[in-house]
């Protein structure tokens, strides 16, 4: 079923026949489709939004567009999450984007220098011979003129000496502010440690900045009675991950179908931990249906949205195969 994109309704609720059917995957903008979800019906909404890192499906978004998208989607969740239910957002916590107002901050990277001439030696030579230009100083010191310029100007910087610097932005603070404004309360967060694709590389970074190998799973609560049922997990599952703040499981190895797919283990754990059998699970950026697949396998109802028709078609195919028992590992 492909839905049409609708404007947000007024204060009056929709007629019951206009709400989206459960156990369905819909092609359209989440901001429009969320207005057609039955109020107070979703037990857990778990999704991973565009990260604003240059993927093809987000290339047309500005930083302001990206912020407004997430802020609006979060606000539209409050009416549809049932009291005591949860909004769960999986996202990396660091953004890096060009900022022309930012000073060049990369330090003197001594471990990668091919020339032993130091900044102190260049400055001493310049003080002793103030009339010499950098070409003449280079000849005096026995190095290249580029070395003299780099040592004097500290322009061995990230992205090259003419590139705009990148500013780091922590995403968690943005997400928290938007969810609180919508009426949710921060409840929990888990860190998902992935298997880094660079783990066999000798050098990970040229600066002191870490190479990100984990993502956060932020959990927000809608006020109401929350059922806590430890019988949903075995004692071993509670011990290994149910009560643990750090989760370890591999990322998806191949991204041939979707370039930002997460493993079924992620929504499976969230669904088992925070919902009961037959509860409704929503993913408003469902991609190729991983959350819906996890919901089916765990005996929950599901609903998912995505803008891309090809992804929705693949998601429906995967869900159909799971329902037939033909897809054991939730991978195509």
Protein backbone atom coordinates (compact mmCIF):
# COMPACT_ATOMS: atom_id res chain seq x y z
CA UNK A 1 0.00 0.00 0.00
CA UNK A 2 1.44 3.37 -1.02
CA UNK A 3 -0.08 6.26 0.83
CA UNK A 4 -0.47 9.81 -0.33
CA UNK A 5 1.31 12.55 1.58
CA UNK A 6 -1.16 14.58 3.64
CA UNK A 7 -1.00 17.85 5.47
CA UNK A 8 -1.05 17.72 9.26
CA UNK A 9 -4.66 17.65 10.50
CA UNK A 10 -6.17 20.18 12.86
CA UNK A 11 -7.10 19.53 16.45
CA UNK A 12 -9.93 17.14 15.56
CA UNK A 13 -8.96 13.43 15.44
CA UNK A 14 -9.20 11.58 12.17
CA UNK A 15 -12.13 9.29 11.47
CA UNK A 16 -11.18 5.75 12.49
CA UNK A 17 -11.22 4.52 8.90
CA UNK A 18 -8.46 7.02 8.01
CA UNK A 19 -5.91 5.66 10.45
CA UNK A 20 -3.18 3.51 8.95
CA UNK A 21 -3.68 -0.22 9.26
CA UNK A 22 -1.30 -2.11 11.52
CA UNK A 23 1.12 -4.69 10.13
CA UNK A 24 1.73 -2.41 7.17
CA UNK A 25 4.70 -0.72 5.51
CA UNK A 26 3.98 2.66 3.91
CA UNK A 27 5.87 4.76 1.39
CA UNK A 28 5.83 8.44 2.25
CA UNK A 29 7.18 11.19 4.46
CA UNK A 30 7.20 10.26 8.16
CA UNK A 31 6.03 13.76 9.04
CA UNK A 32 2.82 13.18 7.09
CA UNK A 33 2.28 9.53 7.92
CA UNK A 34 2.72 9.98 11.68
CA UNK A 35 -0.42 12.14 11.68
CA UNK A 36 -2.33 9.07 10.48
CA UNK A 37 -1.24 6.71 13.26
CA UNK A 38 -3.94 5.98 15.82
CA UNK A 39 -3.30 8.04 18.99
CA UNK A 40 -1.89 6.21 22.03
CA UNK A 41 -1.43 2.99 20.06
CA UNK A 42 2.35 2.51 19.76
CA UNK A 43 4.18 0.73 22.58
CA UNK A 44 7.67 1.29 21.23
CA UNK A 45 8.87 3.39 18.33
CA UNK A 46 12.44 2.50 17.46
CA UNK A 47 14.27 4.08 14.55
CA UNK A 48 17.56 5.30 13.24
CA UNK A 49 17.20 8.64 11.45
CA UNK A 50 19.46 10.14 8.80
CA UNK A 51 22.75 10.91 10.57
CA UNK A 52 23.65 13.95 8.43
CA UNK A 53 26.90 12.34 7.30
CA UNK A 54 26.45 12.58 3.52
CA UNK A 55 24.47 9.46 2.64
CA UNK A 56 22.66 9.56 -0.69
CA UNK A 57 19.20 9.76 0.90
CA UNK A 58 20.16 12.87 2.92
CA UNK A 59 22.44 14.70 0.50
CA UNK A 60 19.88 17.43 -0.15
CA UNK A 61 19.41 18.23 3.55
CA UNK A 62 21.07 21.27 5.06
CA UNK A 63 22.01 21.16 8.73
CA UNK A 64 18.94 23.27 9.53
CA UNK A 65 16.76 20.94 7.43
CA UNK A 66 18.14 17.92 9.26
CA UNK A 67 17.48 19.44 12.68
CA UNK A 68 13.95 20.45 11.73
CA UNK A 69 13.23 16.97 10.37
CA UNK A 70 14.22 15.23 13.59
CA UNK A 71 12.57 17.84 15.82
CA UNK A 72 9.28 17.52 13.92
CA UNK A 73 9.32 13.71 13.80
CA UNK A 74 9.99 13.54 17.54
CA UNK A 75 7.15 15.98 18.32
CA UNK A 76 4.72 14.01 16.15
CA UNK A 77 5.50 10.87 18.14
CA UNK A 78 4.09 12.11 21.41
CA UNK A 79 0.39 11.72 20.44
CA UNK A 80 0.87 8.21 19.02
CA UNK A 81 3.01 6.63 21.78
CA UNK A 82 0.79 5.10 24.43
CA UNK A 83 1.18 6.32 28.04
CA UNK A 84 4.05 4.44 29.62
CA UNK A 85 5.49 3.64 26.18
CA UNK A 86 8.88 4.46 24.74
CA UNK A 87 10.54 6.39 21.94
CA UNK A 88 13.92 4.83 21.11
CA UNK A 89 16.42 6.54 18.81
CA UNK A 90 19.61 4.88 17.53
CA UNK A 91 22.17 7.44 16.36
CA UNK A 92 25.87 8.19 16.40
CA UNK A 93 26.64 10.93 18.89
CA UNK A 94 29.12 13.00 16.88
CA UNK A 95 28.54 15.14 13.82
CA UNK A 96 31.34 16.88 11.96
CA UNK A 97 30.52 19.58 9.44
CA UNK A 98 32.32 22.51 7.81
CA UNK A 99 32.40 25.71 9.83
CA UNK A 100 34.19 28.65 8.14
CA UNK A 101 34.19 30.61 11.42
CA UNK A 102 36.21 27.98 13.24
CA UNK A 103 39.97 28.50 13.75
CA UNK A 104 42.40 25.96 12.39
CA UNK A 105 42.98 23.71 15.35
CA UNK A 106 45.09 20.79 14.21
CA UNK A 107 48.23 20.52 16.31
CA UNK A 108 51.80 20.04 15.18
CA UNK A 109 51.74 16.40 14.10
CA UNK A 110 55.35 15.51 14.82
CA UNK A 111 54.94 11.76 14.28
CA UNK A 112 54.17 12.20 10.57
CA UNK A 113 56.79 14.80 9.68
CA UNK A 114 59.28 13.76 7.04
CA UNK A 115 61.56 16.74 7.70
CA UNK A 116 63.28 17.11 11.11
CA UNK A 117 63.32 20.94 10.96
CA UNK A 118 61.20 22.25 13.84
CA UNK A 119 59.14 25.41 14.15
CA UNK A 120 61.63 26.67 16.74
CA UNK A 121 64.51 26.31 14.29
CA UNK A 122 62.59 28.16 11.59
CA UNK A 123 61.67 30.99 13.96
CA UNK A 124 65.26 31.25 15.21
CA UNK A 125 66.55 31.49 11.63
CA UNK A 126 63.92 34.11 10.82
CA UNK A 127 64.88 36.18 13.86
CA UNK A 128 68.56 36.00 12.94
CA UNK A 129 67.92 36.78 9.27
CA UNK A 130 64.74 38.92 9.19
CA UNK A 131 65.29 39.99 5.58
CA UNK A 132 65.25 36.48 4.15
CA UNK A 133 62.09 35.22 2.48
CA UNK A 134 60.92 31.64 2.95
CA UNK A 135 62.78 30.40 -0.12
CA UNK A 136 66.03 31.81 1.23
CA UNK A 137 65.29 30.46 4.71
CA UNK A 138 64.65 27.04 3.20
CA UNK A 139 68.03 27.10 1.48
CA UNK A 140 69.70 28.17 4.73
CA UNK A 141 68.03 25.39 6.72
CA UNK A 142 68.34 22.72 4.03
CA UNK A 143 64.63 22.05 3.66
CA UNK A 144 61.80 22.91 1.28
CA UNK A 145 60.02 26.24 1.25
CA UNK A 146 56.76 24.37 1.99
CA UNK A 147 58.34 23.13 5.24
CA UNK A 148 59.25 26.68 6.21
CA UNK A 149 55.70 27.89 5.50
CA UNK A 150 54.08 25.02 7.37
CA UNK A 151 56.27 25.47 10.42
CA UNK A 152 55.73 29.22 10.55
CA UNK A 153 51.99 29.26 9.84
CA UNK A 154 50.87 26.02 11.53
CA UNK A 155 48.86 25.12 8.43
CA UNK A 156 49.22 21.35 8.56
CA UNK A 157 45.53 21.24 9.31
CA UNK A 158 42.63 18.85 8.83
CA UNK A 159 41.50 18.88 5.23
CA UNK A 160 44.43 20.86 3.88
CA UNK A 161 45.55 24.41 4.38
CA UNK A 162 42.76 25.92 2.26
CA UNK A 163 39.88 23.66 3.36
CA UNK A 164 37.21 24.78 5.80
CA UNK A 165 37.65 23.35 9.28
CA UNK A 166 35.18 20.78 10.58
CA UNK A 167 33.25 21.47 13.77
CA UNK A 168 32.27 18.59 16.07
CA UNK A 169 28.69 18.65 17.35
CA UNK A 170 27.35 16.31 20.04
CA UNK A 171 23.98 14.97 18.89
CA UNK A 172 22.74 13.74 22.26
CA UNK A 173 22.08 17.25 23.53
CA UNK A 174 19.95 18.07 20.50
CA UNK A 175 17.92 14.87 20.80
CA UNK A 176 17.36 15.42 24.52
CA UNK A 177 16.13 18.99 24.00
CA UNK A 178 13.72 18.00 21.23
CA UNK A 179 12.25 15.06 23.17
CA UNK A 180 11.76 17.08 26.35
CA UNK A 181 10.06 19.83 24.36
CA UNK A 182 7.73 17.20 22.89
CA UNK A 183 6.71 15.95 26.35
CA UNK A 184 8.96 12.89 26.72
CA UNK A 185 11.42 12.26 29.54
CA UNK A 186 14.91 10.77 29.15
CA UNK A 187 14.68 7.23 30.53
CA UNK A 188 17.83 5.34 29.56
CA UNK A 189 20.59 5.02 27.03
CA UNK A 190 22.62 2.07 25.82
CA UNK A 191 25.88 2.11 23.90
CA UNK A 192 26.09 -0.30 20.96
CA UNK A 193 29.70 -1.29 20.31
CA UNK A 194 30.16 -2.43 16.72
CA UNK A 195 32.98 -4.33 15.07
CA UNK A 196 35.00 -1.52 13.47
CA UNK A 197 35.87 -2.01 9.83
CA UNK A 198 39.20 -0.30 10.52
CA UNK A 199 40.25 -2.64 13.37
CA UNK A 200 43.08 -4.16 11.30
CA UNK A 201 44.42 -0.78 10.21
CA UNK A 202 47.77 0.26 11.69
CA UNK A 203 46.86 3.96 11.94
CA UNK A 204 43.29 5.03 12.68
CA UNK A 205 43.57 8.82 12.81
CA UNK A 206 46.09 11.62 12.28
CA UNK A 207 44.74 13.63 15.22
CA UNK A 208 43.79 12.91 18.83
CA UNK A 209 40.16 12.50 17.82
CA UNK A 210 38.91 8.95 18.21
CA UNK A 211 37.53 6.85 15.40
CA UNK A 212 33.89 6.25 16.30
CA UNK A 213 33.16 2.54 16.83
CA UNK A 214 29.92 2.75 18.79
CA UNK A 215 26.50 4.34 18.60
CA UNK A 216 23.96 5.32 21.23
CA UNK A 217 20.48 3.94 21.74
CA UNK A 218 18.56 6.72 23.49
CA UNK A 219 15.35 5.76 25.31
CA UNK A 220 12.64 8.30 26.13
CA UNK A 221 9.47 7.66 28.16
CA UNK A 222 5.95 8.99 27.77
CA UNK A 223 4.38 9.51 31.21
CA UNK A 224 2.08 6.67 32.19
CA UNK A 225 2.16 3.22 33.77
CA UNK A 226 5.01 1.11 32.40
CA UNK A 227 4.80 -2.64 32.81
CA UNK A 228 8.12 -4.12 33.94
CA UNK A 229 8.11 -7.86 33.18
CA UNK A 230 11.40 -9.65 33.76
CA UNK A 231 9.97 -12.86 32.33
CA UNK A 232 10.35 -11.46 28.83
CA UNK A 233 14.05 -12.32 29.03
CA UNK A 234 15.82 -15.36 30.38
CA UNK A 235 18.05 -14.95 33.41
CA UNK A 236 21.09 -15.26 31.15
CA UNK A 237 19.74 -12.56 28.78
CA UNK A 238 19.13 -10.20 31.69
CA UNK A 239 22.67 -10.81 32.89
CA UNK A 240 24.33 -10.50 29.47
CA UNK A 241 22.50 -7.53 28.00
CA UNK A 242 19.10 -6.76 29.54
CA UNK A 243 20.57 -4.90 32.50
CA UNK A 244 23.82 -3.85 30.83
CA UNK A 245 24.52 -0.37 29.53
CA UNK A 246 26.90 -1.55 26.78
CA UNK A 247 25.77 -3.93 24.06
CA UNK A 248 28.23 -5.82 21.87
CA UNK A 249 27.09 -7.26 18.55
CA UNK A 250 28.35 -6.96 14.95
CA UNK A 251 27.17 -4.40 12.45
CA UNK A 252 25.81 -5.38 9.04
CA UNK A 253 28.65 -6.59 6.81
CA UNK A 254 27.10 -5.82 3.45
CA UNK A 255 25.21 -2.67 2.48
CA UNK A 256 24.37 -3.70 -1.07
CA UNK A 257 20.64 -3.00 -0.65
CA UNK A 258 20.65 -0.14 1.89
CA UNK A 259 23.70 1.93 2.75
CA UNK A 260 22.85 2.42 6.43
CA UNK A 261 21.20 -0.82 7.55
CA UNK A 262 21.44 -1.83 11.20
CA UNK A 263 21.46 -5.49 12.34
CA UNK A 264 18.23 -7.15 13.46
CA UNK A 265 19.79 -7.73 16.88
CA UNK A 266 19.39 -4.03 17.69
CA UNK A 267 15.58 -3.71 17.35
CA UNK A 268 15.14 -7.28 18.62
CA UNK A 269 16.71 -6.41 21.98
CA UNK A 270 14.77 -3.17 22.31
CA UNK A 271 11.49 -4.88 21.38
CA UNK A 272 11.97 -7.77 23.81
CA UNK A 273 13.06 -5.46 26.62
CA UNK A 274 10.45 -2.71 26.33
CA UNK A 275 7.33 -4.30 24.84
CA UNK A 276 4.99 -7.25 25.37
CA UNK A 277 3.74 -9.79 22.80
CA UNK A 278 1.19 -8.31 20.39
CA UNK A 279 2.26 -4.72 21.17
CA UNK A 280 2.58 -2.33 18.22
CA UNK A 281 6.13 -1.44 17.14
CA UNK A 282 6.78 1.55 14.86
CA UNK A 283 9.79 2.49 12.75
CA UNK A 284 9.28 5.78 10.89
CA UNK A 285 12.58 5.39 8.95
CA UNK A 286 12.10 1.68 8.31
CA UNK A 287 14.48 1.32 5.35
CA UNK A 288 14.42 -2.29 4.18
CA UNK A 289 12.34 -3.43 7.12
CA UNK A 290 14.75 -4.65 9.79
CA UNK A 291 12.60 -3.40 12.68
CA UNK A 292 9.46 -4.88 11.14
CA UNK A 293 11.25 -8.21 10.70
CA UNK A 294 12.33 -8.17 14.34
CA UNK A 295 8.77 -7.33 15.45
CA UNK A 296 7.31 -10.24 13.49
CA UNK A 297 9.89 -12.66 14.86
CA UNK A 298 9.14 -11.51 18.42
CA UNK A 299 5.36 -11.79 18.06
CA UNK A 300 4.59 -8.07 17.88
CA UNK A 301 2.54 -6.03 15.45
CA UNK A 302 4.44 -3.57 13.31
CA UNK A 303 4.21 -0.42 11.21
CA UNK A 304 6.92 1.23 9.13
CA UNK A 305 7.46 4.29 6.90
CA UNK A 306 10.08 5.18 4.32
CA UNK A 307 10.40 7.69 1.50
CA UNK A 308 12.05 5.30 -0.96
CA UNK A 309 9.74 2.95 -2.91
CA UNK A 310 12.56 0.46 -3.54
CA UNK A 311 13.24 0.15 0.18
CA UNK A 312 9.58 -0.36 1.00
CA UNK A 313 9.32 -3.06 -1.67
CA UNK A 314 12.34 -4.86 -0.20
CA UNK A 315 10.97 -4.48 3.33
CA UNK A 316 7.68 -6.06 2.31
CA UNK A 317 9.52 -8.92 0.65
CA UNK A 318 11.57 -9.60 3.78
CA UNK A 319 8.53 -9.46 6.06
CA UNK A 320 6.65 -11.87 3.80
CA UNK A 321 9.56 -14.31 3.88
CA UNK A 322 9.78 -14.11 7.67
CA UNK A 323 6.07 -14.79 7.98
CA UNK A 324 6.52 -17.86 5.77
CA UNK A 325 9.46 -19.02 7.84
CA UNK A 326 11.83 -18.65 4.89
CA UNK A 327 14.14 -16.03 6.41
CA UNK A 328 15.76 -17.19 9.63
CA UNK A 329 18.47 -14.57 10.06
CA UNK A 330 16.49 -11.55 8.79
CA UNK A 331 18.95 -10.95 5.97
CA UNK A 332 18.05 -11.01 2.24
